[in-house]
Each structure stands twice: as C-alpha cells, then as structure tokens.
Amino acid sequence: MKIYDYHGRKNMCGDRIKIARAARRISQADLAARLQVAGVILERDSISRIEIGTRFVTDYEVVEIARALDVSIEWLLGQKKDDLNP
C-alpha cells in the first residue's frame, strides 16, 4: 500500500482539531472518550498523532470528531476560514 502525505502530513485536519479542542478546553483523553461513546475507538495517543499529523484520519472519524468538537466538517478540513462556529 502506498502511503500518501499532504504537505508532509498524513491528514489536513490535525491542526484544526487541536485548535477546536483547546478552545473548548477538552483534553485529548476527553476527546478520545467522547469518540469512544460515539462508537469510534481512538485512544489519547491516537488523538495526539492526528494533531501532529502522523496518523491518517478516516472519513467517519472526521464526522465524529467534528460532532464531538461542535464544529463543521468544512471548518475542520480548512474549507471555511472563519472562526470555530459551525
């Protein structure tokens, strides 16, 4: 399997996840717990690797992360340049 990078990263939403999580004062462990309740099994270290860009993020993970952080998918993917509002 070929591994792809986007500007040297394995995802394009990690920075925005970190921004939204910090703005809402949610720890990586708390975000992981919220995702696990929603059926997406991620550990705290997976959240960390997503935020620093060393882990791929699947489409269903993006959907649930956006929901857990109360942001739009478009904002999370950098398609909306405005603030953290959905």
PDB file of N, CA and C in Angstrom:
ATOM      1  N   MET A   1       0.844  -1.177   0.000  1.00  0.00           N
ATOM      2  CA  MET A   1       0.000   0.000   0.000  1.00  0.00           C
ATOM      3  C   MET A   1       0.890   1.241   0.000  1.00  0.00           C
ATOM      4  N   LYS A   2       0.575   2.180  -0.868  1.00  0.00           N
ATOM      5  CA  LYS A   2       1.327   3.427  -0.922  1.00  0.00           C
ATOM      6  C   LYS A   2       0.800   4.373   0.157  1.00  0.00           C
ATOM      7  N   ILE A   3       1.706   4.961   0.898  1.00  0.00           N
ATOM      8  CA  ILE A   3       1.354   5.922   1.937  1.00  0.00           C
ATOM      9  C   ILE A   3       1.464   7.319   1.348  1.00  0.00           C
ATOM     10  N   TYR A   4       0.419   8.094   1.496  1.00  0.00           N
ATOM     11  CA  TYR A   4       0.383   9.440   0.947  1.00  0.00           C
ATOM     12  C   TYR A   4       0.553  10.471   2.040  1.00  0.00           C
ATOM     13  N   ASP A   5       1.199  11.553   1.688  1.00  0.00           N
ATOM     14  CA  ASP A   5       1.348  12.696   2.582  1.00  0.00           C
ATOM     15  C   ASP A   5       0.747  13.916   1.901  1.00  0.00           C
ATOM     16  N   TYR A   6       0.229  14.824   2.688  1.00  0.00           N
ATOM     17  CA  TYR A   6      -0.300  16.090   2.209  1.00  0.00           C
ATOM     18  C   TYR A   6       0.531  17.181   2.858  1.00  0.00           C
ATOM     19  N   HIS A   7       1.421  17.759   2.093  1.00  0.00           N
ATOM     20  CA  HIS A   7       2.349  18.778   2.607  1.00  0.00           C
ATOM     21  C   HIS A   7       3.127  18.236   3.799  1.00  0.00           C
ATOM     22  N   GLY A   8       3.576  16.998   3.700  1.00  0.00           N
ATOM     23  CA  GLY A   8       4.388  16.389   4.745  1.00  0.00           C
ATOM     24  C   GLY A   8       3.608  15.825   5.918  1.00  0.00           C
ATOM     25  N   ARG A   9       2.284  15.837   5.828  1.00  0.00           N
ATOM     26  CA  ARG A   9       1.434  15.334   6.918  1.00  0.00           C
ATOM     27  C   ARG A   9       0.518  14.244   6.375  1.00  0.00           C
ATOM     28  N   LYS A  10       0.004  13.438   7.260  1.00  0.00           N
ATOM     29  CA  LYS A  10      -0.890  12.368   6.866  1.00  0.00           C
ATOM     30  C   LYS A  10      -2.360  12.761   6.985  1.00  0.00           C
ATOM     31  N   ASN A  11      -2.634  13.983   7.408  1.00  0.00           N
ATOM     32  CA  ASN A  11      -4.005  14.490   7.440  1.00  0.00           C
ATOM     33  C   ASN A  11      -3.965  16.007   7.305  1.00  0.00           C
ATOM     34  N   MET A  12      -5.115  16.584   7.010  1.00  0.00           N
ATOM     35  CA  MET A  12      -5.185  18.036   6.880  1.00  0.00           C
ATOM     36  C   MET A  12      -6.029  18.662   7.979  1.00  0.00           C
ATOM     37  N   CYS A  13      -6.508  17.870   8.924  1.00  0.00           N
ATOM     38  CA  CYS A  13      -7.395  18.410   9.952  1.00  0.00           C
ATOM     39  C   CYS A  13      -6.771  18.435  11.347  1.00  0.00           C
ATOM     40  N   GLY A  14      -5.593  17.906  11.517  1.00  0.00           N
ATOM     41  CA  GLY A  14      -4.983  17.823  12.839  1.00  0.00           C
ATOM     42  C   GLY A  14      -4.807  19.151  13.538  1.00  0.00           C
ATOM     43  N   ASP A  15      -4.354  20.153  12.803  1.00  0.00           N
ATOM     44  CA  ASP A  15      -4.168  21.480  13.409  1.00  0.00           C
ATOM     45  C   ASP A  15      -5.494  22.047  13.897  1.00  0.00           C
ATOM     46  N   ARG A  16      -6.520  21.891  13.078  1.00  0.00           N
ATOM     47  CA  ARG A  16      -7.836  22.430  13.456  1.00  0.00           C
ATOM     48  C   ARG A  16      -8.446  21.642  14.618  1.00  0.00           C
ATOM     49  N   ILE A  17      -8.196  20.357  14.683  1.00  0.00           N
ATOM     50  CA  ILE A  17      -8.673  19.566  15.823  1.00  0.00           C
ATOM     51  C   ILE A  17      -8.056  20.109  17.102  1.00  0.00           C
ATOM     52  N   LYS A  18      -6.754  20.360  17.051  1.00  0.00           N
ATOM     53  CA  LYS A  18      -6.070  20.878  18.230  1.00  0.00           C
ATOM     54  C   LYS A  18      -6.611  22.253  18.626  1.00  0.00           C
ATOM     55  N   ILE A  19      -6.842  23.119  17.648  1.00  0.00           N
ATOM     56  CA  ILE A  19      -7.367  24.459  17.921  1.00  0.00           C
ATOM     57  C   ILE A  19      -8.751  24.372  18.568  1.00  0.00           C
ATOM     58  N   ALA A  20      -9.634  23.588  17.976  1.00  0.00           N
ATOM     59  CA  ALA A  20     -11.001  23.473  18.496  1.00  0.00           C
ATOM     60  C   ALA A  20     -11.010  22.820  19.869  1.00  0.00           C
ATOM     61  N   ARG A  21     -10.195  21.805  20.056  1.00  0.00           N
ATOM     62  CA  ARG A  21     -10.135  21.113  21.344  1.00  0.00           C
ATOM     63  C   ARG A  21      -9.641  22.056  22.430  1.00  0.00           C
ATOM     64  N   ALA A  22      -8.601  22.822  22.130  1.00  0.00           N
ATOM     65  CA  ALA A  22      -8.048  23.765  23.111  1.00  0.00           C
ATOM     66  C   ALA A  22      -9.042  24.884  23.417  1.00  0.00           C
ATOM     67  N   ALA A  23      -9.734  25.371  22.391  1.00  0.00           N
ATOM     68  CA  ALA A  23     -10.703  26.452  22.591  1.00  0.00           C
ATOM     69  C   ALA A  23     -11.850  26.017  23.496  1.00  0.00           C
ATOM     70  N   ARG A  24     -12.153  24.731  23.451  1.00  0.00           N
ATOM     71  CA  ARG A  24     -13.241  24.198  24.275  1.00  0.00           C
ATOM     72  C   ARG A  24     -12.740  23.584  25.580  1.00  0.00           C
ATOM     73  N   ARG A  25     -11.441  23.688  25.776  1.00  0.00           N
ATOM     74  CA  ARG A  25     -10.799  23.156  26.990  1.00  0.00           C
ATOM     75  C   ARG A  25     -11.114  21.679  27.211  1.00  0.00           C
ATOM     76  N   ILE A  26     -10.953  20.920  26.130  1.00  0.00           N
ATOM     77  CA  ILE A  26     -11.162  19.474  26.159  1.00  0.00           C
ATOM     78  C   ILE A  26      -9.789  18.823  26.028  1.00  0.00           C
ATOM     79  N   SER A  27      -9.463  17.932  26.924  1.00  0.00           N
ATOM     80  CA  SER A  27      -8.174  17.241  26.831  1.00  0.00           C
ATOM     81  C   SER A  27      -8.243  16.185  25.724  1.00  0.00           C
ATOM     82  N   GLN A  28      -7.088  15.719  25.321  1.00  0.00           N
ATOM     83  CA  GLN A  28      -7.038  14.645  24.329  1.00  0.00           C
ATOM     84  C   GLN A  28      -7.751  13.402  24.861  1.00  0.00           C
ATOM     85  N   ALA A  29      -7.577  13.111  26.130  1.00  0.00           N
ATOM     86  CA  ALA A  29      -8.235  11.948  26.737  1.00  0.00           C
ATOM     87  C   ALA A  29      -9.753  12.125  26.728  1.00  0.00           C
ATOM     88  N   ASP A  30     -10.225  13.337  27.018  1.00  0.00           N
ATOM     89  CA  ASP A  30     -11.668  13.602  27.000  1.00  0.00           C
ATOM     90  C   ASP A  30     -12.235  13.469  25.587  1.00  0.00           C
ATOM     91  N   LEU A  31     -11.510  13.962  24.604  1.00  0.00           N
ATOM     92  CA  LEU A  31     -11.963  13.823  23.227  1.00  0.00           C
ATOM     93  C   LEU A  31     -12.018  12.349  22.837  1.00  0.00           C
ATOM     94  N   ALA A  32     -11.002  11.599  23.206  1.00  0.00           N
ATOM     95  CA  ALA A  32     -10.989  10.161  22.915  1.00  0.00           C
ATOM     96  C   ALA A  32     -12.191   9.476  23.565  1.00  0.00           C
ATOM     97  N   ALA A  33     -12.520   9.854  24.794  1.00  0.00           N
ATOM     98  CA  ALA A  33     -13.667   9.259  25.494  1.00  0.00           C
ATOM     99  C   ALA A  33     -14.969   9.606  24.781  1.00  0.00           C
ATOM    100  N   ARG A  34     -15.119  10.852  24.344  1.00  0.00           N
ATOM    101  CA  ARG A  34     -16.327  11.253  23.617  1.00  0.00           C
ATOM    102  C   ARG A  34     -16.477  10.454  22.327  1.00  0.00           C
ATOM    103  N   LEU A  35     -15.363  10.256  21.643  1.00  0.00           N
ATOM    104  CA  LEU A  35     -15.406   9.494  20.394  1.00  0.00           C
ATOM    105  C   LEU A  35     -15.733   8.028  20.654  1.00  0.00           C
ATOM    106  N   GLN A  36     -15.199   7.479  21.726  1.00  0.00           N
ATOM    107  CA  GLN A  36     -15.487   6.086  22.054  1.00  0.00           C
ATOM    108  C   GLN A  36     -16.959   5.893  22.365  1.00  0.00           C
ATOM    109  N   VAL A  37     -17.583   6.848  23.053  1.00  0.00           N
ATOM    110  CA  VAL A  37     -19.017   6.786  23.332  1.00  0.00           C
ATOM    111  C   VAL A  37     -19.807   6.793  22.017  1.00  0.00           C
ATOM    112  N   ALA A  38     -19.300   7.522  21.023  1.00  0.00           N
ATOM    113  CA  ALA A  38     -19.955   7.601  19.715  1.00  0.00           C
ATOM    114  C   ALA A  38     -19.646   6.384  18.841  1.00  0.00           C
ATOM    115  N   GLY A  39     -18.816   5.474  19.328  1.00  0.00           N
ATOM    116  CA  GLY A  39     -18.506   4.259  18.575  1.00  0.00           C
ATOM    117  C   GLY A  39     -17.221   4.294  17.781  1.00  0.00           C
ATOM    118  N   VAL A  40     -16.440   5.355  17.925  1.00  0.00           N
ATOM    119  CA  VAL A  40     -15.150   5.469  17.234  1.00  0.00           C
ATOM    120  C   VAL A  40     -14.060   5.203  18.272  1.00  0.00           C
ATOM    121  N   ILE A  41     -13.402   4.083  18.143  1.00  0.00           N
ATOM    122  CA  ILE A  41     -12.423   3.680  19.143  1.00  0.00           C
ATOM    123  C   ILE A  41     -11.067   4.300  18.817  1.00  0.00           C
ATOM    124  N   LEU A  42     -10.751   5.373  19.523  1.00  0.00           N
ATOM    125  CA  LEU A  42      -9.457   6.045  19.434  1.00  0.00           C
ATOM    126  C   LEU A  42      -8.941   6.242  20.850  1.00  0.00           C
ATOM    127  N   GLU A  43      -7.668   6.072  21.032  1.00  0.00           N
ATOM    128  CA  GLU A  43      -7.036   6.324  22.328  1.00  0.00           C
ATOM    129  C   GLU A  43      -6.444   7.731  22.325  1.00  0.00           C
ATOM    130  N   ARG A  44      -6.030   8.202  23.482  1.00  0.00           N
ATOM    131  CA  ARG A  44      -5.447   9.524  23.616  1.00  0.00           C
ATOM    132  C   ARG A  44      -4.231   9.687  22.709  1.00  0.00           C
ATOM    133  N   ASP A  45      -3.401   8.655  22.609  1.00  0.00           N
ATOM    134  CA  ASP A  45      -2.211   8.773  21.769  1.00  0.00           C
ATOM    135  C   ASP A  45      -2.574   8.872  20.288  1.00  0.00           C
ATOM    136  N   SER A  46      -3.698   8.309  19.889  1.00  0.00           N
ATOM    137  CA  SER A  46      -4.153   8.460  18.501  1.00  0.00           C
ATOM    138  C   SER A  46      -4.560   9.899  18.229  1.00  0.00           C
ATOM    139  N   ILE A  47      -5.225  10.535  19.183  1.00  0.00           N
ATOM    140  CA  ILE A  47      -5.581  11.949  19.046  1.00  0.00           C
ATOM    141  C   ILE A  47      -4.315  12.782  18.915  1.00  0.00           C
ATOM    142  N   SER A  48      -3.321  12.482  19.726  1.00  0.00           N
ATOM    143  CA  SER A  48      -2.050  13.195  19.662  1.00  0.00           C
ATOM    144  C   SER A  48      -1.406  13.050  18.292  1.00  0.00           C
ATOM    145  N   ARG A  49      -1.379  11.838  17.772  1.00  0.00           N
ATOM    146  CA  ARG A  49      -0.765  11.595  16.459  1.00  0.00           C
ATOM    147  C   ARG A  49      -1.550  12.265  15.337  1.00  0.00           C
ATOM    148  N   ILE A  50      -2.869  12.328  15.471  1.00  0.00           N
ATOM    149  CA  ILE A  50      -3.683  13.058  14.487  1.00  0.00           C
ATOM    150  C   ILE A  50      -3.304  14.531  14.518  1.00  0.00           C
ATOM    151  N   GLU A  51      -3.229  15.098  15.714  1.00  0.00           N
ATOM    152  CA  GLU A  51      -2.933  16.526  15.841  1.00  0.00           C
ATOM    153  C   GLU A  51      -1.557  16.901  15.308  1.00  0.00           C
ATOM    154  N   ILE A  52      -0.584  16.025  15.434  1.00  0.00           N
ATOM    155  CA  ILE A  52       0.749  16.352  14.914  1.00  0.00           C
ATOM    156  C   ILE A  52       0.935  15.887  13.465  1.00  0.00           C
ATOM    157  N   GLY A  53      -0.092  15.233  12.919  1.00  0.00           N
ATOM    158  CA  GLY A  53      -0.074  14.893  11.501  1.00  0.00           C
ATOM    159  C   GLY A  53       0.598  13.597  11.138  1.00  0.00           C
ATOM    160  N   THR A  54       0.815  12.712  12.095  1.00  0.00           N
ATOM    161  CA  THR A  54       1.482  11.442  11.785  1.00  0.00           C
ATOM    162  C   THR A  54       0.509  10.268  11.667  1.00  0.00           C
ATOM    163  N   ARG A  55      -0.801  10.549  11.751  1.00  0.00           N
ATOM    164  CA  ARG A  55      -1.807   9.491  11.629  1.00  0.00           C
ATOM    165  C   ARG A  55      -2.871   9.927  10.634  1.00  0.00           C
ATOM    166  N   PHE A  56      -3.256   8.990   9.759  1.00  0.00           N
ATOM    167  CA  PHE A  56      -4.355   9.237   8.848  1.00  0.00           C
ATOM    168  C   PHE A  56      -5.658   9.330   9.635  1.00  0.00           C
ATOM    169  N   VAL A  57      -6.633  10.030   9.076  1.00  0.00           N
ATOM    170  CA  VAL A  57      -7.954  10.151   9.682  1.00  0.00           C
ATOM    171  C   VAL A  57      -8.969   9.677   8.647  1.00  0.00           C
ATOM    172  N   THR A  58      -9.800   8.727   9.049  1.00  0.00           N
ATOM    173  CA  THR A  58     -10.805   8.216   8.125  1.00  0.00           C
ATOM    174  C   THR A  58     -11.990   9.171   8.044  1.00  0.00           C
ATOM    175  N   ASP A  59     -12.807   8.982   7.032  1.00  0.00           N
ATOM    176  CA  ASP A  59     -13.959   9.867   6.855  1.00  0.00           C
ATOM    177  C   ASP A  59     -14.921   9.789   8.034  1.00  0.00           C
ATOM    178  N   TYR A  60     -15.199   8.606   8.538  1.00  0.00           N
ATOM    179  CA  TYR A  60     -16.118   8.511   9.673  1.00  0.00           C
ATOM    180  C   TYR A  60     -15.518   9.112  10.936  1.00  0.00           C
ATOM    181  N   GLU A  61     -14.208   9.073  11.079  1.00  0.00           N
ATOM    182  CA  GLU A  61     -13.562   9.729  12.218  1.00  0.00           C
ATOM    183  C   GLU A  61     -13.706  11.245  12.116  1.00  0.00           C
ATOM    184  N   VAL A  62     -13.548  11.790  10.921  1.00  0.00           N
ATOM    185  CA  VAL A  62     -13.711  13.241  10.730  1.00  0.00           C
ATOM    186  C   VAL A  62     -15.121  13.666  11.120  1.00  0.00           C
ATOM    187  N   VAL A  63     -16.113  12.904  10.700  1.00  0.00           N
ATOM    188  CA  VAL A  63     -17.505  13.229  11.023  1.00  0.00           C
ATOM    189  C   VAL A  63     -17.717  13.244  12.538  1.00  0.00           C
ATOM    190  N   GLU A  64     -17.258  12.223  13.222  1.00  0.00           N
ATOM    191  CA  GLU A  64     -17.479  12.135  14.668  1.00  0.00           C
ATOM    192  C   GLU A  64     -16.625  13.132  15.453  1.00  0.00           C
ATOM    193  N   ILE A  65     -15.416  13.412  14.971  1.00  0.00           N
ATOM    194  CA  ILE A  65     -14.579  14.422  15.637  1.00  0.00           C
ATOM    195  C   ILE A  65     -15.245  15.794  15.523  1.00  0.00           C
ATOM    196  N   ALA A  66     -15.745  16.117  14.341  1.00  0.00           N
ATOM    197  CA  ALA A  66     -16.442  17.397  14.159  1.00  0.00           C
ATOM    198  C   ALA A  66     -17.640  17.481  15.098  1.00  0.00           C
ATOM    199  N   ARG A  67     -18.390  16.401  15.200  1.00  0.00           N
ATOM    200  CA  ARG A  67     -19.554  16.385  16.083  1.00  0.00           C
ATOM    201  C   ARG A  67     -19.127  16.542  17.544  1.00  0.00           C
ATOM    202  N   ALA A  68     -18.086  15.831  17.948  1.00  0.00           N
ATOM    203  CA  ALA A  68     -17.621  15.886  19.338  1.00  0.00           C
ATOM    204  C   ALA A  68     -17.093  17.267  19.709  1.00  0.00           C
ATOM    205  N   LEU A  69     -16.520  17.978  18.734  1.00  0.00           N
ATOM    206  CA  LEU A  69     -15.963  19.306  18.988  1.00  0.00           C
ATOM    207  C   LEU A  69     -16.943  20.433  18.645  1.00  0.00           C
ATOM    208  N   ASP A  70     -18.118  20.068  18.145  1.00  0.00           N
ATOM    209  CA  ASP A  70     -19.152  21.031  17.779  1.00  0.00           C
ATOM    210  C   ASP A  70     -18.640  22.048  16.758  1.00  0.00           C
ATOM    211  N   VAL A  71     -17.999  21.523  15.714  1.00  0.00           N
ATOM    212  CA  VAL A  71     -17.553  22.341  14.583  1.00  0.00           C
ATOM    213  C   VAL A  71     -18.053  21.677  13.311  1.00  0.00           C
ATOM    214  N   SER A  72     -18.056  22.428  12.229  1.00  0.00           N
ATOM    215  CA  SER A  72     -18.479  21.835  10.956  1.00  0.00           C
ATOM    216  C   SER A  72     -17.321  21.024  10.360  1.00  0.00           C
ATOM    217  N   ILE A  73     -17.696  20.067   9.551  1.00  0.00           N
ATOM    218  CA  ILE A  73     -16.691  19.274   8.834  1.00  0.00           C
ATOM    219  C   ILE A  73     -15.891  20.185   7.917  1.00  0.00           C
ATOM    220  N   GLU A  74     -16.577  21.145   7.290  1.00  0.00           N
ATOM    221  CA  GLU A  74     -15.895  22.072   6.381  1.00  0.00           C
ATOM    222  C   GLU A  74     -14.826  22.869   7.112  1.00  0.00           C
ATOM    223  N   TRP A  75     -15.162  23.348   8.321  1.00  0.00           N
ATOM    224  CA  TRP A  75     -14.165  24.098   9.093  1.00  0.00           C
ATOM    225  C   TRP A  75     -13.002  23.194   9.471  1.00  0.00           C
ATOM    226  N   LEU A  76     -13.318  21.982   9.906  1.00  0.00           N
ATOM    227  CA  LEU A  76     -12.282  21.045  10.328  1.00  0.00           C
ATOM    228  C   LEU A  76     -11.313  20.736   9.191  1.00  0.00           C
ATOM    229  N   LEU A  77     -11.821  20.684   7.978  1.00  0.00           N
ATOM    230  CA  LEU A  77     -10.983  20.388   6.812  1.00  0.00           C
ATOM    231  C   LEU A  77     -10.373  21.626   6.178  1.00  0.00           C
ATOM    232  N   GLY A  78     -10.586  22.788   6.804  1.00  0.00           N
ATOM    233  CA  GLY A  78      -9.975  24.014   6.306  1.00  0.00           C
ATOM    234  C   GLY A  78     -10.717  24.655   5.162  1.00  0.00           C
ATOM    235  N   GLN A  79     -11.941  24.219   4.892  1.00  0.00           N
ATOM    236  CA  GLN A  79     -12.725  24.787   3.801  1.00  0.00           C
ATOM    237  C   GLN A  79     -13.402  26.081   4.191  1.00  0.00           C
ATOM    238  N   LYS A  80     -13.614  26.291   5.493  1.00  0.00           N
ATOM    239  CA  LYS A  80     -14.174  27.543   6.000  1.00  0.00           C
ATOM    240  C   LYS A  80     -13.064  28.252   6.758  1.00  0.00           C
ATOM    241  N   LYS A  81     -12.831  29.499   6.434  1.00  0.00           N
ATOM    242  CA  LYS A  81     -11.732  30.239   7.045  1.00  0.00           C
ATOM    243  C   LYS A  81     -12.138  31.019   8.273  1.00  0.00           C
ATOM    244  N   ASP A  82     -13.438  31.028   8.598  1.00  0.00           N
ATOM    245  CA  ASP A  82     -13.900  31.829   9.724  1.00  0.00           C
ATOM    246  C   ASP A  82     -13.603  31.161  11.063  1.00  0.00           C
ATOM    247  N   ASP A  83     -14.246  31.634  12.076  1.00  0.00           N
ATOM    248  CA  ASP A  83     -13.988  31.173  13.438  1.00  0.00           C
ATOM    249  C   ASP A  83     -14.446  29.737  13.671  1.00  0.00           C
ATOM    250  N   LEU A  84     -14.529  29.333  14.908  1.00  0.00           N
ATOM    251  CA  LEU A  84     -14.853  27.956  15.255  1.00  0.00           C
ATOM    252  C   LEU A  84     -16.337  27.613  15.142  1.00  0.00           C
ATOM    253  N   ASN A  85     -17.162  28.558  14.775  1.00  0.00           N
ATOM    254  CA  ASN A  85     -18.589  28.264  14.680  1.00  0.00           C
ATOM    255  C   ASN A  85     -18.859  27.378  13.475  1.00  0.00           C
ATOM    256  N   PRO A  86     -19.788  26.432  13.642  1.00  0.00           N
ATOM    257  CA  PRO A  86     -20.119  25.511  12.527  1.00  0.00           C
ATOM    258  C   PRO A  86     -20.657  26.217  11.304  1.00  0.00           C
TER     259      PRO A  86
END
